[in-house]
């Protein structure tokens, strides 16, 4: 069989990528790209694209048009924002992600962040380090008994629900395709939750979906989805005005968080550098999922986690020997 041309955009050294792809044997010829120019030069021969989890390189409409042999795009993350799903679908190219691999890690981060905000752990730590002892002034509260709303109910949202319920919380959720006990209208979930957890994918439909001004006064916001899902300017206003008691953010509209961003100056915000899903366990599951899908693509068997509605079987274009 003629090896498939695999273009890897993931920001890993070539030797690390070769080690990652070693189980595929001589089934692929590896080409790497770290910038747009190198990517564009490699696209005409690319048959499989291994995406860039950082999002700096993506298969937009122009990239799809420049890749006539492209048969499959595997994104090594859950988020696929940046890729043009419609352009890939029109070209008959399936786009798959690694849904579920980070569900445990992200859900644990969301619960940990909610606990930190509710118990005011960052403020307590800062006070003690500064020589203060505000034992009666911090105003922490228990998470147990809180109403928790979850926006997004994929694997992460489902895991969040189970963990928050274990803490004695009343959990409701909203997702675009209603499912599961506890589903409620978005407006109700946002307006009535003491803790609002955002774990929905970013798309044109969900950009700016959550308006912090519509949340319950004194509520806490936890965002582990994408920065664009929450109106970030409105969030700053809601925190400054005291409408919200706090927010924990692992994602931002611009990453890294720019110098001078007002979020940096708000003591009621817990900031995290997009690491909710970054654990060794998640990495192991991600590698296994990517390799399994790439192997299925080479073998002509069904791939999983296709997100753009294309047939989940990869068909090679214009190459004999398969």
C-alpha atoms as a PDB file:
ATOM      1  CA  UNK A   1       0.000   0.000   0.000  1.00  0.00           C
ATOM      2  CA  UNK A   2       1.242   3.470  -0.835  1.00  0.00           C
ATOM      3  CA  UNK A   3       1.752   5.422   2.435  1.00  0.00           C
ATOM      4  CA  UNK A   4      -0.742   8.157   3.138  1.00  0.00           C
ATOM      5  CA  UNK A   5       0.562  11.728   3.244  1.00  0.00           C
ATOM      6  CA  UNK A   6      -0.144  12.985   6.753  1.00  0.00           C
ATOM      7  CA  UNK A   7       0.269  16.680   7.496  1.00  0.00           C
ATOM      8  CA  UNK A   8       0.700  17.311  11.229  1.00  0.00           C
ATOM      9  CA  UNK A   9      -0.091  20.802  12.496  1.00  0.00           C
ATOM     10  CA  UNK A  10       0.076  19.960  16.205  1.00  0.00           C
ATOM     11  CA  UNK A  11       2.843  22.007  17.905  1.00  0.00           C
ATOM     12  CA  UNK A  12       5.099  19.068  18.750  1.00  0.00           C
ATOM     13  CA  UNK A  13       8.711  18.472  17.656  1.00  0.00           C
ATOM     14  CA  UNK A  14       8.982  16.167  14.617  1.00  0.00           C
ATOM     15  CA  UNK A  15      10.674  13.424  16.644  1.00  0.00           C
ATOM     16  CA  UNK A  16       7.841  13.498  19.175  1.00  0.00           C
ATOM     17  CA  UNK A  17       5.289  13.256  16.369  1.00  0.00           C
ATOM     18  CA  UNK A  18       7.115  10.330  14.824  1.00  0.00           C
ATOM     19  CA  UNK A  19       7.077   8.597  18.182  1.00  0.00           C
ATOM     20  CA  UNK A  20       3.371   9.329  18.569  1.00  0.00           C
ATOM     21  CA  UNK A  21       2.596   7.901  15.132  1.00  0.00           C
ATOM     22  CA  UNK A  22       4.974   4.928  15.386  1.00  0.00           C
ATOM     23  CA  UNK A  23       2.107   2.422  15.919  1.00  0.00           C
ATOM     24  CA  UNK A  24       0.921   3.250  12.381  1.00  0.00           C
ATOM     25  CA  UNK A  25       4.158   1.820  10.995  1.00  0.00           C
ATOM     26  CA  UNK A  26       4.904   2.710   7.389  1.00  0.00           C
ATOM     27  CA  UNK A  27       1.269   3.556   6.691  1.00  0.00           C
ATOM     28  CA  UNK A  28       1.929   7.303   6.675  1.00  0.00           C
ATOM     29  CA  UNK A  29       4.508   9.742   5.398  1.00  0.00           C
ATOM     30  CA  UNK A  30       4.827  12.544   7.932  1.00  0.00           C
ATOM     31  CA  UNK A  31       5.067  16.217   7.002  1.00  0.00           C
ATOM     32  CA  UNK A  32       4.943  18.926   9.672  1.00  0.00           C
ATOM     33  CA  UNK A  33       4.017  22.605   9.523  1.00  0.00           C
ATOM     34  CA  UNK A  34       4.323  25.256  12.201  1.00  0.00           C
ATOM     35  CA  UNK A  35       3.166  28.333  10.310  1.00  0.00           C
ATOM     36  CA  UNK A  36       0.648  29.212   7.636  1.00  0.00           C
ATOM     37  CA  UNK A  37       3.196  29.365   4.801  1.00  0.00           C
ATOM     38  CA  UNK A  38       4.492  25.851   5.519  1.00  0.00           C
ATOM     39  CA  UNK A  39       0.937  24.601   5.885  1.00  0.00           C
ATOM     40  CA  UNK A  40      -0.095  26.054   2.519  1.00  0.00           C
ATOM     41  CA  UNK A  41       2.951  24.541   0.827  1.00  0.00           C
ATOM     42  CA  UNK A  42       2.052  21.077   2.126  1.00  0.00           C
ATOM     43  CA  UNK A  43      -1.705  21.144   1.515  1.00  0.00           C
ATOM     44  CA  UNK A  44      -1.737  20.075  -2.185  1.00  0.00           C
ATOM     45  CA  UNK A  45      -0.338  16.649  -1.257  1.00  0.00           C
ATOM     46  CA  UNK A  46      -2.011  16.250   2.133  1.00  0.00           C
ATOM     47  CA  UNK A  47      -4.415  13.327   2.509  1.00  0.00           C
ATOM     48  CA  UNK A  48      -4.814  13.365   6.277  1.00  0.00           C
ATOM     49  CA  UNK A  49      -4.433  16.426   8.493  1.00  0.00           C
ATOM     50  CA  UNK A  50      -3.692  16.077  12.183  1.00  0.00           C
ATOM     51  CA  UNK A  51      -4.944  19.370  13.579  1.00  0.00           C
ATOM     52  CA  UNK A  52      -3.351  21.938  15.854  1.00  0.00           C
ATOM     53  CA  UNK A  53      -4.910  21.890  19.314  1.00  0.00           C
ATOM     54  CA  UNK A  54      -3.780  25.453  19.981  1.00  0.00           C
ATOM     55  CA  UNK A  55      -6.003  26.706  17.166  1.00  0.00           C
ATOM     56  CA  UNK A  56      -3.388  28.859  15.447  1.00  0.00           C
ATOM     57  CA  UNK A  57      -3.541  26.697  12.315  1.00  0.00           C
ATOM     58  CA  UNK A  58      -6.901  25.464  11.085  1.00  0.00           C
ATOM     59  CA  UNK A  59      -8.593  24.108   7.988  1.00  0.00           C
ATOM     60  CA  UNK A  60     -10.550  27.133   6.872  1.00  0.00           C
ATOM     61  CA  UNK A  61     -12.283  27.346   3.493  1.00  0.00           C
ATOM     62  CA  UNK A  62      -9.103  28.462   1.714  1.00  0.00           C
ATOM     63  CA  UNK A  63      -7.107  25.588   3.173  1.00  0.00           C
ATOM     64  CA  UNK A  64      -9.763  23.056   2.165  1.00  0.00           C
ATOM     65  CA  UNK A  65      -9.793  24.410  -1.391  1.00  0.00           C
ATOM     66  CA  UNK A  66      -6.010  24.078  -1.550  1.00  0.00           C
ATOM     67  CA  UNK A  67      -6.085  20.385  -0.566  1.00  0.00           C
ATOM     68  CA  UNK A  68      -7.660  18.378  -3.429  1.00  0.00           C
ATOM     69  CA  UNK A  69      -6.447  15.037  -2.041  1.00  0.00           C
ATOM     70  CA  UNK A  70      -7.643  15.674   1.503  1.00  0.00           C
ATOM     71  CA  UNK A  71      -9.659  12.747   2.856  1.00  0.00           C
ATOM     72  CA  UNK A  72      -9.725  13.173   6.638  1.00  0.00           C
ATOM     73  CA  UNK A  73      -9.035  15.747   9.369  1.00  0.00           C
ATOM     74  CA  UNK A  74      -8.411  14.524  12.913  1.00  0.00           C
ATOM     75  CA  UNK A  75      -8.471  17.221  15.588  1.00  0.00           C
ATOM     76  CA  UNK A  76      -6.447  16.184  18.679  1.00  0.00           C
ATOM     77  CA  UNK A  77      -8.804  18.007  21.062  1.00  0.00           C
ATOM     78  CA  UNK A  78     -12.496  18.409  21.771  1.00  0.00           C
ATOM     79  CA  UNK A  79     -12.851  21.935  20.365  1.00  0.00           C
ATOM     80  CA  UNK A  80     -12.927  22.272  16.586  1.00  0.00           C
ATOM     81  CA  UNK A  81     -13.482  26.031  16.384  1.00  0.00           C
ATOM     82  CA  UNK A  82     -11.359  27.496  13.614  1.00  0.00           C
ATOM     83  CA  UNK A  83     -11.990  24.647  11.204  1.00  0.00           C
ATOM     84  CA  UNK A  84     -14.608  25.362   8.547  1.00  0.00           C
ATOM     85  CA  UNK A  85     -17.000  22.479   9.120  1.00  0.00           C
ATOM     86  CA  UNK A  86     -19.219  23.444   6.187  1.00  0.00           C
ATOM     87  CA  UNK A  87     -16.312  23.654   3.733  1.00  0.00           C
ATOM     88  CA  UNK A  88     -15.003  20.279   4.854  1.00  0.00           C
ATOM     89  CA  UNK A  89     -18.473  18.758   4.597  1.00  0.00           C
ATOM     90  CA  UNK A  90     -18.981  20.192   1.106  1.00  0.00           C
ATOM     91  CA  UNK A  91     -15.696  18.586   0.089  1.00  0.00           C
ATOM     92  CA  UNK A  92     -16.788  15.257   1.586  1.00  0.00           C
ATOM     93  CA  UNK A  93     -14.034  15.341   4.201  1.00  0.00           C
ATOM     94  CA  UNK A  94     -14.913  14.048   7.683  1.00  0.00           C
ATOM     95  CA  UNK A  95     -13.644  16.054  10.648  1.00  0.00           C
ATOM     96  CA  UNK A  96     -13.315  14.145  13.912  1.00  0.00           C
ATOM     97  CA  UNK A  97     -12.453  15.321  17.404  1.00  0.00           C
ATOM     98  CA  UNK A  98     -11.533  13.474  20.591  1.00  0.00           C
ATOM     99  CA  UNK A  99     -14.827  13.896  22.408  1.00  0.00           C
ATOM    100  CA  UNK A 100     -14.881  12.709  25.984  1.00  0.00           C
ATOM    101  CA  UNK A 101     -11.144  12.312  26.598  1.00  0.00           C
ATOM    102  CA  UNK A 102     -10.973  15.362  28.871  1.00  0.00           C
ATOM    103  CA  UNK A 103     -14.398  15.017  30.492  1.00  0.00           C
ATOM    104  CA  UNK A 104     -13.146  13.889  33.887  1.00  0.00           C
ATOM    105  CA  UNK A 105     -10.347  16.464  34.036  1.00  0.00           C
ATOM    106  CA  UNK A 106     -12.503  19.409  32.992  1.00  0.00           C
ATOM    107  CA  UNK A 107     -15.392  18.425  35.246  1.00  0.00           C
ATOM    108  CA  UNK A 108     -13.040  18.137  38.210  1.00  0.00           C
ATOM    109  CA  UNK A 109     -11.619  21.574  37.404  1.00  0.00           C
ATOM    110  CA  UNK A 110     -15.121  23.044  37.270  1.00  0.00           C
ATOM    111  CA  UNK A 111     -16.038  21.611  40.665  1.00  0.00           C
ATOM    112  CA  UNK A 112     -12.701  22.664  42.146  1.00  0.00           C
ATOM    113  CA  UNK A 113     -13.090  26.176  40.762  1.00  0.00           C
ATOM    114  CA  UNK A 114     -16.640  26.441  42.085  1.00  0.00           C
ATOM    115  CA  UNK A 115     -15.470  25.313  45.524  1.00  0.00           C
ATOM    116  CA  UNK A 116     -12.588  27.802  45.459  1.00  0.00           C
ATOM    117  CA  UNK A 117     -14.972  30.642  44.633  1.00  0.00           C
ATOM    118  CA  UNK A 118     -17.651  29.604  47.119  1.00  0.00           C
ATOM    119  CA  UNK A 119     -15.154  29.175  49.973  1.00  0.00           C
ATOM    120  CA  UNK A 120     -13.195  32.255  48.816  1.00  0.00           C
ATOM    121  CA  UNK A 121      -9.924  30.345  48.837  1.00  0.00           C
ATOM    122  CA  UNK A 122      -7.941  32.743  46.587  1.00  0.00           C
ATOM    123  CA  UNK A 123      -8.908  35.715  48.780  1.00  0.00           C
ATOM    124  CA  UNK A 124      -8.076  33.794  51.959  1.00  0.00           C
ATOM    125  CA  UNK A 125      -4.683  32.806  50.608  1.00  0.00           C
ATOM    126  CA  UNK A 126      -3.851  36.363  49.528  1.00  0.00           C
ATOM    127  CA  UNK A 127      -4.910  37.779  52.890  1.00  0.00           C
ATOM    128  CA  UNK A 128      -2.806  35.398  54.961  1.00  0.00           C
ATOM    129  CA  UNK A 129       0.218  35.935  52.712  1.00  0.00           C
ATOM    130  CA  UNK A 130      -0.202  39.679  53.253  1.00  0.00           C
ATOM    131  CA  UNK A 131      -0.209  39.282  57.048  1.00  0.00           C
ATOM    132  CA  UNK A 132      -3.962  39.629  57.571  1.00  0.00           C
ATOM    133  CA  UNK A 133      -6.293  37.239  59.356  1.00  0.00           C
ATOM    134  CA  UNK A 134      -9.832  37.907  58.062  1.00  0.00           C
ATOM    135  CA  UNK A 135     -11.434  34.924  59.742  1.00  0.00           C
ATOM    136  CA  UNK A 136     -14.813  36.635  60.156  1.00  0.00           C
ATOM    137  CA  UNK A 137     -14.769  38.857  57.077  1.00  0.00           C
ATOM    138  CA  UNK A 138     -14.292  36.614  54.041  1.00  0.00           C
ATOM    139  CA  UNK A 139     -17.908  35.450  53.833  1.00  0.00           C
ATOM    140  CA  UNK A 140     -17.401  31.938  52.393  1.00  0.00           C
ATOM    141  CA  UNK A 141     -20.414  29.792  51.686  1.00  0.00           C
ATOM    142  CA  UNK A 142     -21.113  26.100  51.249  1.00  0.00           C
ATOM    143  CA  UNK A 143     -21.508  24.576  47.826  1.00  0.00           C
ATOM    144  CA  UNK A 144     -23.937  21.987  49.165  1.00  0.00           C
ATOM    145  CA  UNK A 145     -27.533  23.026  48.587  1.00  0.00           C
ATOM    146  CA  UNK A 146     -26.657  25.436  45.777  1.00  0.00           C
ATOM    147  CA  UNK A 147     -28.535  25.513  42.511  1.00  0.00           C
ATOM    148  CA  UNK A 148     -26.022  24.645  39.796  1.00  0.00           C
ATOM    149  CA  UNK A 149     -26.809  25.262  36.142  1.00  0.00           C
ATOM    150  CA  UNK A 150     -24.745  23.672  33.378  1.00  0.00           C
ATOM    151  CA  UNK A 151     -24.693  25.129  29.876  1.00  0.00           C
ATOM    152  CA  UNK A 152     -23.739  22.272  27.573  1.00  0.00           C
ATOM    153  CA  UNK A 153     -24.495  18.607  28.225  1.00  0.00           C
ATOM    154  CA  UNK A 154     -21.963  16.541  26.356  1.00  0.00           C
ATOM    155  CA  UNK A 155     -19.564  14.200  28.191  1.00  0.00           C
ATOM    156  CA  UNK A 156     -18.142  17.088  30.239  1.00  0.00           C
ATOM    157  CA  UNK A 157     -21.545  18.468  31.202  1.00  0.00           C
ATOM    158  CA  UNK A 158     -22.804  15.029  32.197  1.00  0.00           C
ATOM    159  CA  UNK A 159     -19.733  14.414  34.368  1.00  0.00           C
ATOM    160  CA  UNK A 160     -20.130  17.865  35.948  1.00  0.00           C
ATOM    161  CA  UNK A 161     -23.720  17.071  36.827  1.00  0.00           C
ATOM    162  CA  UNK A 162     -22.775  13.861  38.626  1.00  0.00           C
ATOM    163  CA  UNK A 163     -19.982  15.529  40.603  1.00  0.00           C
ATOM    164  CA  UNK A 164     -22.068  18.530  41.666  1.00  0.00           C
ATOM    165  CA  UNK A 165     -24.938  16.253  42.657  1.00  0.00           C
ATOM    166  CA  UNK A 166     -22.505  14.325  44.857  1.00  0.00           C
ATOM    167  CA  UNK A 167     -21.901  17.594  46.728  1.00  0.00           C
ATOM    168  CA  UNK A 168     -25.628  17.918  47.396  1.00  0.00           C
ATOM    169  CA  UNK A 169     -26.320  20.514  44.710  1.00  0.00           C
ATOM    170  CA  UNK A 170     -29.561  20.886  42.771  1.00  0.00           C
ATOM    171  CA  UNK A 171     -28.471  20.556  39.145  1.00  0.00           C
ATOM    172  CA  UNK A 172     -30.221  21.638  35.960  1.00  0.00           C
ATOM    173  CA  UNK A 173     -28.815  22.014  32.477  1.00  0.00           C
ATOM    174  CA  UNK A 174     -29.419  23.324  28.997  1.00  0.00           C
ATOM    175  CA  UNK A 175     -28.138  21.999  25.708  1.00  0.00           C
ATOM    176  CA  UNK A 176     -29.105  22.621  22.104  1.00  0.00           C
ATOM    177  CA  UNK A 177     -30.467  19.089  21.736  1.00  0.00           C
ATOM    178  CA  UNK A 178     -32.592  18.485  24.858  1.00  0.00           C
ATOM    179  CA  UNK A 179     -31.683  15.279  26.669  1.00  0.00           C
ATOM    180  CA  UNK A 180     -31.290  13.951  30.162  1.00  0.00           C
ATOM    181  CA  UNK A 181     -33.236  14.601  33.332  1.00  0.00           C
ATOM    182  CA  UNK A 182     -32.968  18.163  34.524  1.00  0.00           C
ATOM    183  CA  UNK A 183     -33.052  19.860  31.127  1.00  0.00           C
ATOM    184  CA  UNK A 184     -34.539  23.361  31.333  1.00  0.00           C
ATOM    185  CA  UNK A 185     -34.775  26.445  29.109  1.00  0.00           C
ATOM    186  CA  UNK A 186     -31.536  28.414  28.814  1.00  0.00           C
ATOM    187  CA  UNK A 187     -33.054  31.575  30.257  1.00  0.00           C
ATOM    188  CA  UNK A 188     -34.189  29.679  33.336  1.00  0.00           C
ATOM    189  CA  UNK A 189     -30.844  27.959  33.866  1.00  0.00           C
ATOM    190  CA  UNK A 190     -28.939  31.251  33.569  1.00  0.00           C
ATOM    191  CA  UNK A 191     -31.322  33.301  35.720  1.00  0.00           C
ATOM    192  CA  UNK A 192     -31.851  30.895  38.619  1.00  0.00           C
ATOM    193  CA  UNK A 193     -28.446  29.286  39.196  1.00  0.00           C
ATOM    194  CA  UNK A 194     -26.248  30.098  42.177  1.00  0.00           C
ATOM    195  CA  UNK A 195     -23.362  28.616  40.190  1.00  0.00           C
ATOM    196  CA  UNK A 196     -23.414  28.662  36.394  1.00  0.00           C
ATOM    197  CA  UNK A 197     -20.985  26.280  34.673  1.00  0.00           C
ATOM    198  CA  UNK A 198     -20.309  26.816  30.962  1.00  0.00           C
ATOM    199  CA  UNK A 199     -18.972  23.795  29.047  1.00  0.00           C
ATOM    200  CA  UNK A 200     -20.574  24.136  25.615  1.00  0.00           C
ATOM    201  CA  UNK A 201     -18.647  24.178  22.341  1.00  0.00           C
ATOM    202  CA  UNK A 202     -18.047  27.501  20.612  1.00  0.00           C
ATOM    203  CA  UNK A 203     -19.846  28.002  17.308  1.00  0.00           C
ATOM    204  CA  UNK A 204     -21.643  30.795  15.493  1.00  0.00           C
ATOM    205  CA  UNK A 205     -24.752  29.721  17.391  1.00  0.00           C
ATOM    206  CA  UNK A 206     -23.150  29.823  20.842  1.00  0.00           C
ATOM    207  CA  UNK A 207     -20.896  32.878  20.515  1.00  0.00           C
ATOM    208  CA  UNK A 208     -21.976  35.367  23.180  1.00  0.00           C
ATOM    209  CA  UNK A 209     -24.588  32.876  24.397  1.00  0.00           C
ATOM    210  CA  UNK A 210     -24.224  33.697  28.094  1.00  0.00           C
ATOM    211  CA  UNK A 211     -24.900  37.256  29.228  1.00  0.00           C
ATOM    212  CA  UNK A 212     -23.645  37.682  32.805  1.00  0.00           C
ATOM    213  CA  UNK A 213     -26.129  40.513  33.344  1.00  0.00           C
ATOM    214  CA  UNK A 214     -28.921  37.933  33.058  1.00  0.00           C
ATOM    215  CA  UNK A 215     -27.499  35.810  35.859  1.00  0.00           C
ATOM    216  CA  UNK A 216     -28.809  35.762  39.421  1.00  0.00           C
ATOM    217  CA  UNK A 217     -27.386  38.507  41.634  1.00  0.00           C
ATOM    218  CA  UNK A 218     -24.541  37.140  43.745  1.00  0.00           C
ATOM    219  CA  UNK A 219     -24.070  34.102  41.510  1.00  0.00           C
ATOM    220  CA  UNK A 220     -20.768  32.526  40.527  1.00  0.00           C
ATOM    221  CA  UNK A 221     -19.699  31.858  36.927  1.00  0.00           C
ATOM    222  CA  UNK A 222     -17.359  29.026  35.902  1.00  0.00           C
ATOM    223  CA  UNK A 223     -16.262  28.974  32.249  1.00  0.00           C
ATOM    224  CA  UNK A 224     -14.282  26.015  30.909  1.00  0.00           C
ATOM    225  CA  UNK A 225     -15.723  26.148  27.383  1.00  0.00           C
ATOM    226  CA  UNK A 226     -14.331  28.946  25.204  1.00  0.00           C
ATOM    227  CA  UNK A 227     -13.971  32.607  26.015  1.00  0.00           C
ATOM    228  CA  UNK A 228     -16.307  33.622  23.217  1.00  0.00           C
ATOM    229  CA  UNK A 229     -19.287  31.781  24.701  1.00  0.00           C
ATOM    230  CA  UNK A 230     -19.532  34.352  27.521  1.00  0.00           C
ATOM    231  CA  UNK A 231     -19.759  38.076  26.812  1.00  0.00           C
ATOM    232  CA  UNK A 232     -16.419  38.984  28.394  1.00  0.00           C
ATOM    233  CA  UNK A 233     -16.995  42.737  28.491  1.00  0.00           C
ATOM    234  CA  UNK A 234     -20.356  42.218  30.157  1.00  0.00           C
ATOM    235  CA  UNK A 235     -18.689  39.853  32.608  1.00  0.00           C
ATOM    236  CA  UNK A 236     -16.191  42.530  33.645  1.00  0.00           C
ATOM    237  CA  UNK A 237     -19.047  44.999  34.172  1.00  0.00           C
ATOM    238  CA  UNK A 238     -21.079  42.483  36.205  1.00  0.00           C
ATOM    239  CA  UNK A 239     -18.113  41.776  38.467  1.00  0.00           C
ATOM    240  CA  UNK A 240     -17.158  45.422  38.918  1.00  0.00           C
ATOM    241  CA  UNK A 241     -20.723  46.367  39.790  1.00  0.00           C
ATOM    242  CA  UNK A 242     -21.051  43.520  42.280  1.00  0.00           C
ATOM    243  CA  UNK A 243     -23.834  41.833  40.343  1.00  0.00           C
ATOM    244  CA  UNK A 244     -21.789  38.619  40.342  1.00  0.00           C
ATOM    245  CA  UNK A 245     -19.882  37.425  43.394  1.00  0.00           C
ATOM    246  CA  UNK A 246     -17.093  35.875  41.379  1.00  0.00           C
ATOM    247  CA  UNK A 247     -15.953  34.030  38.279  1.00  0.00           C
ATOM    248  CA  UNK A 248     -13.474  31.262  37.485  1.00  0.00           C
ATOM    249  CA  UNK A 249     -12.144  31.368  33.938  1.00  0.00           C
ATOM    250  CA  UNK A 250      -9.967  28.801  32.191  1.00  0.00           C
ATOM    251  CA  UNK A 251     -10.636  30.313  28.761  1.00  0.00           C
ATOM    252  CA  UNK A 252     -10.630  33.812  27.304  1.00  0.00           C
ATOM    253  CA  UNK A 253     -11.571  35.622  24.117  1.00  0.00           C
ATOM    254  CA  UNK A 254      -7.859  36.192  23.476  1.00  0.00           C
ATOM    255  CA  UNK A 255      -5.253  33.725  24.728  1.00  0.00           C
ATOM    256  CA  UNK A 256      -2.860  34.272  26.431  1.00  0.00           C
ATOM    257  CA  UNK A 257      -4.741  36.932  28.369  1.00  0.00           C
ATOM    258  CA  UNK A 258      -3.366  40.256  27.046  1.00  0.00           C
ATOM    259  CA  UNK A 259      -1.477  42.769  29.146  1.00  0.00           C
ATOM    260  CA  UNK A 260      -3.843  45.357  30.545  1.00  0.00           C
ATOM    261  CA  UNK A 261      -6.919  43.143  30.338  1.00  0.00           C
ATOM    262  CA  UNK A 262      -9.331  44.306  33.074  1.00  0.00           C
ATOM    263  CA  UNK A 263      -9.857  40.728  34.256  1.00  0.00           C
ATOM    264  CA  UNK A 264      -6.334  40.819  35.680  1.00  0.00           C
ATOM    265  CA  UNK A 265      -7.317  43.537  38.154  1.00  0.00           C
ATOM    266  CA  UNK A 266     -10.465  41.920  39.534  1.00  0.00           C
ATOM    267  CA  UNK A 267      -9.861  40.129  42.837  1.00  0.00           C
ATOM    268  CA  UNK A 268     -13.119  38.201  42.490  1.00  0.00           C
ATOM    269  CA  UNK A 269     -11.841  36.334  39.416  1.00  0.00           C
ATOM    270  CA  UNK A 270      -9.900  33.079  39.483  1.00  0.00           C
ATOM    271  CA  UNK A 271      -7.715  32.957  36.345  1.00  0.00           C
ATOM    272  CA  UNK A 272      -6.400  29.731  34.805  1.00  0.00           C
ATOM    273  CA  UNK A 273      -4.288  29.296  31.619  1.00  0.00           C
ATOM    274  CA  UNK A 274      -6.577  26.934  29.652  1.00  0.00           C
ATOM    275  CA  UNK A 275      -5.430  23.869  31.584  1.00  0.00           C
ATOM    276  CA  UNK A 276      -8.710  22.385  32.817  1.00  0.00           C
ATOM    277  CA  UNK A 277      -8.300  19.384  30.541  1.00  0.00           C
ATOM    278  CA  UNK A 278      -4.519  19.079  30.757  1.00  0.00           C
ATOM    279  CA  UNK A 279      -3.636  16.015  32.812  1.00  0.00           C
ATOM    280  CA  UNK A 280      -1.468  12.965  32.076  1.00  0.00           C
ATOM    281  CA  UNK A 281      -4.589  10.819  32.095  1.00  0.00           C
ATOM    282  CA  UNK A 282      -6.275  13.032  29.501  1.00  0.00           C
ATOM    283  CA  UNK A 283      -3.162  12.975  27.328  1.00  0.00           C
ATOM    284  CA  UNK A 284      -3.105   9.187  27.389  1.00  0.00           C
ATOM    285  CA  UNK A 285      -6.746   8.961  26.373  1.00  0.00           C
ATOM    286  CA  UNK A 286      -6.222  11.588  23.656  1.00  0.00           C
ATOM    287  CA  UNK A 287      -3.276   9.755  22.098  1.00  0.00           C
ATOM    288  CA  UNK A 288      -5.214   6.493  22.114  1.00  0.00           C
ATOM    289  CA  UNK A 289      -8.244   8.124  20.491  1.00  0.00           C
ATOM    290  CA  UNK A 290      -6.172   9.834  17.776  1.00  0.00           C
ATOM    291  CA  UNK A 291      -4.233   6.671  16.931  1.00  0.00           C
ATOM    292  CA  UNK A 292      -7.397   4.564  16.843  1.00  0.00           C
ATOM    293  CA  UNK A 293      -9.070   6.935  14.381  1.00  0.00           C
ATOM    294  CA  UNK A 294      -5.976   7.268  12.188  1.00  0.00           C
ATOM    295  CA  UNK A 295      -5.605   3.494  12.077  1.00  0.00           C
ATOM    296  CA  UNK A 296      -9.275   3.156  11.134  1.00  0.00           C
ATOM    297  CA  UNK A 297      -8.811   5.711   8.370  1.00  0.00           C
ATOM    298  CA  UNK A 298      -5.855   3.788   6.929  1.00  0.00           C
ATOM    299  CA  UNK A 299      -7.773   0.514   7.127  1.00  0.00           C
ATOM    300  CA  UNK A 300     -10.951   1.900   5.597  1.00  0.00           C
ATOM    301  CA  UNK A 301     -13.013   1.080   8.689  1.00  0.00           C
ATOM    302  CA  UNK A 302     -15.390   3.368  10.542  1.00  0.00           C
ATOM    303  CA  UNK A 303     -13.930   6.363  12.376  1.00  0.00           C
ATOM    304  CA  UNK A 304     -15.649   7.860  15.417  1.00  0.00           C
ATOM    305  CA  UNK A 305     -16.502  11.323  16.748  1.00  0.00           C
ATOM    306  CA  UNK A 306     -17.150  12.866  13.318  1.00  0.00           C
ATOM    307  CA  UNK A 307     -18.555  16.343  13.977  1.00  0.00           C
ATOM    308  CA  UNK A 308     -19.422  17.693  10.517  1.00  0.00           C
ATOM    309  CA  UNK A 309     -22.001  15.162   9.358  1.00  0.00           C
ATOM    310  CA  UNK A 310     -19.830  13.406   6.749  1.00  0.00           C
ATOM    311  CA  UNK A 311     -19.820   9.631   6.330  1.00  0.00           C
ATOM    312  CA  UNK A 312     -17.592   8.112   9.001  1.00  0.00           C
ATOM    313  CA  UNK A 313     -15.441   6.114   6.594  1.00  0.00           C
ATOM    314  CA  UNK A 314     -12.403   7.631   4.934  1.00  0.00           C
ATOM    315  CA  UNK A 315     -12.014   7.221   1.176  1.00  0.00           C
ATOM    316  CA  UNK A 316      -8.700   7.916  -0.493  1.00  0.00           C
ATOM    317  CA  UNK A 317      -8.586  10.188  -3.516  1.00  0.00           C
ATOM    318  CA  UNK A 318      -6.515   9.706  -6.653  1.00  0.00           C
ATOM    319  CA  UNK A 319      -4.005   7.170  -5.289  1.00  0.00           C
ATOM    320  CA  UNK A 320      -3.816   3.541  -6.344  1.00  0.00           C
ATOM    321  CA  UNK A 321      -2.681   0.779  -4.062  1.00  0.00           C
ATOM    322  CA  UNK A 322      -5.389   0.845  -1.439  1.00  0.00           C
END
